[in-house]
Protein backbone atom coordinates (compact mmCIF):
# COMPACT_ATOMS: atom_id res chain seq x y z
CA MET A 1 6.09 14.39 -25.09
CA LYS A 2 9.58 13.69 -26.36
CA GLY A 3 11.21 10.86 -24.47
CA GLN A 4 7.90 9.30 -23.39
CA PRO A 5 7.29 5.65 -24.26
CA PRO A 6 4.89 5.21 -27.22
CA PHE A 7 2.20 3.79 -24.94
CA GLU A 8 2.23 6.94 -22.79
CA ARG A 9 2.18 9.19 -25.88
CA ALA A 10 -0.84 7.28 -27.20
CA ILE A 11 -2.72 7.81 -23.93
CA GLU A 12 -1.87 11.52 -23.92
CA ALA A 13 -3.21 11.88 -27.49
CA LEU A 14 -6.64 10.41 -26.63
CA GLY A 15 -9.71 12.58 -26.67
CA ALA A 16 -13.31 12.20 -25.55
CA GLY A 17 -15.16 9.59 -27.54
CA ASP A 18 -12.02 7.88 -28.91
CA ILE A 19 -11.66 4.11 -28.69
CA PHE A 20 -8.28 2.82 -27.48
CA LEU A 21 -7.60 -0.67 -28.85
CA ILE A 22 -5.36 -3.04 -26.93
CA ILE A 23 -4.50 -6.09 -29.01
CA GLU A 24 -3.35 -8.34 -26.16
CA GLN A 25 -4.32 -7.43 -22.61
CA HIS A 26 -1.25 -8.99 -20.95
CA LYS A 27 1.04 -6.69 -22.98
CA ALA A 28 -0.62 -3.52 -21.63
CA LYS A 29 0.73 -4.05 -18.13
CA ARG A 30 2.15 -6.98 -16.22
CA SER A 31 0.05 -6.71 -13.06
CA LEU A 32 -3.69 -6.56 -12.62
CA ILE A 33 -3.34 -3.35 -10.62
CA GLY A 34 -1.29 -1.82 -13.43
CA ARG A 35 -3.88 -2.80 -16.02
CA ILE A 36 -6.69 -1.32 -13.96
CA HIS A 37 -4.67 1.88 -13.46
CA ILE A 38 -4.06 2.27 -17.20
CA THR A 39 -7.70 1.48 -18.05
CA THR A 40 -8.94 4.00 -15.50
CA ARG A 41 -6.57 6.69 -16.84
CA ILE A 42 -7.89 6.10 -20.33
CA ALA A 43 -11.55 6.08 -19.20
CA ASP A 44 -10.99 9.32 -17.24
CA ARG A 45 -10.16 11.02 -20.55
CA GLY A 46 -13.64 10.14 -21.87
CA THR A 47 -12.14 7.40 -24.03
CA TYR A 48 -13.36 3.84 -24.35
CA VAL A 49 -11.15 0.77 -24.15
CA LYS A 50 -11.49 -2.41 -26.19
CA VAL A 51 -9.22 -5.37 -25.62
CA LEU A 52 -9.26 -7.51 -28.75
CA ASP A 53 -8.18 -10.78 -27.11
CA LYS A 54 -10.62 -10.29 -24.18
CA PRO A 55 -14.01 -9.30 -25.65
CA TRP A 56 -15.57 -9.40 -22.18
CA LEU A 57 -13.28 -6.48 -21.19
CA ASP A 58 -14.99 -4.06 -23.58
CA LEU A 59 -15.41 -0.82 -21.66
CA THR A 60 -17.75 0.54 -24.28
CA THR A 61 -20.48 -1.62 -22.70
CA PRO A 62 -22.06 -1.61 -19.22
CA MET A 63 -21.05 -5.29 -18.76
CA GLY A 64 -17.39 -4.49 -19.47
CA LYS A 65 -17.47 -1.63 -16.99
CA GLY A 66 -18.97 -3.97 -14.39
CA ILE A 67 -16.22 -6.49 -14.98
CA LEU A 68 -13.62 -3.75 -14.52
CA ALA A 69 -15.27 -2.79 -11.21
CA PHE A 70 -15.11 -6.44 -10.12
CA LEU A 71 -11.44 -6.73 -11.14
CA SER A 72 -10.68 -3.49 -9.29
CA THR A 73 -12.18 -4.98 -6.15
CA LEU A 74 -10.05 -8.10 -6.52
CA ALA A 75 -6.93 -5.99 -7.04
CA GLU A 76 -7.66 -3.90 -3.95
CA ASP A 77 -8.20 -7.03 -1.87
CA GLU A 78 -4.91 -8.51 -3.15
CA ARG A 79 -3.07 -5.27 -2.32
CA GLU A 80 -4.37 -5.38 1.25
CA ARG A 81 -3.30 -9.03 1.64
CA ILE A 82 0.18 -8.23 0.31
CA THR A 83 0.48 -5.36 2.78
CA ARG A 84 -0.63 -7.51 5.71
CA ARG A 85 1.81 -10.26 4.73
CA ALA A 86 4.65 -7.77 4.41
CA GLN A 87 3.85 -6.27 7.82
CA GLY A 88 3.74 -9.75 9.34
CA LEU A 89 7.12 -10.63 7.87
CA CYS A 90 8.58 -7.40 9.19
CA CYS A 91 7.25 -8.08 12.72
CA ARG A 92 8.57 -11.64 12.67
CA GLY A 93 11.97 -10.37 11.58
CA LEU A 94 12.08 -7.91 14.45
CA LYS A 95 11.14 -10.60 16.94
CA ARG A 96 13.88 -12.91 15.62
CA ARG A 97 16.41 -10.10 15.90
CA GLN A 98 15.35 -9.38 19.48
CA ILE A 99 15.64 -13.04 20.39
CA TRP A 100 19.08 -13.27 18.74
CA LEU A 101 20.29 -10.15 20.55
CA GLN A 102 19.05 -11.50 23.89
CA THR A 103 20.85 -14.80 23.43
CA HIS A 104 24.08 -13.56 21.88
CA VAL A 105 24.76 -10.09 23.25
CA THR A 106 24.14 -10.53 26.98
């Protein structure tokens, strides 16, 4: 555990039935996907998560778990849109390069 950030050490120390308190949700991770990943890792250890500045994200309740499922769906959708946009940009770049080569090289 030496050399791990304190946040990672705290997650590793969690046991079943523990409650992991996060004071401010935005400080846990910067991206929604990162937050969901951390919350899932904690829940997989049998630990509950409470976010003090977001009482609706209380994973000790069925409603909080439902909200996490909803947020997970949004994050997955966003990830797919980012991937499609990135693929589209890549294809457009290739087409531009082909056009440039055709006009300048021949």
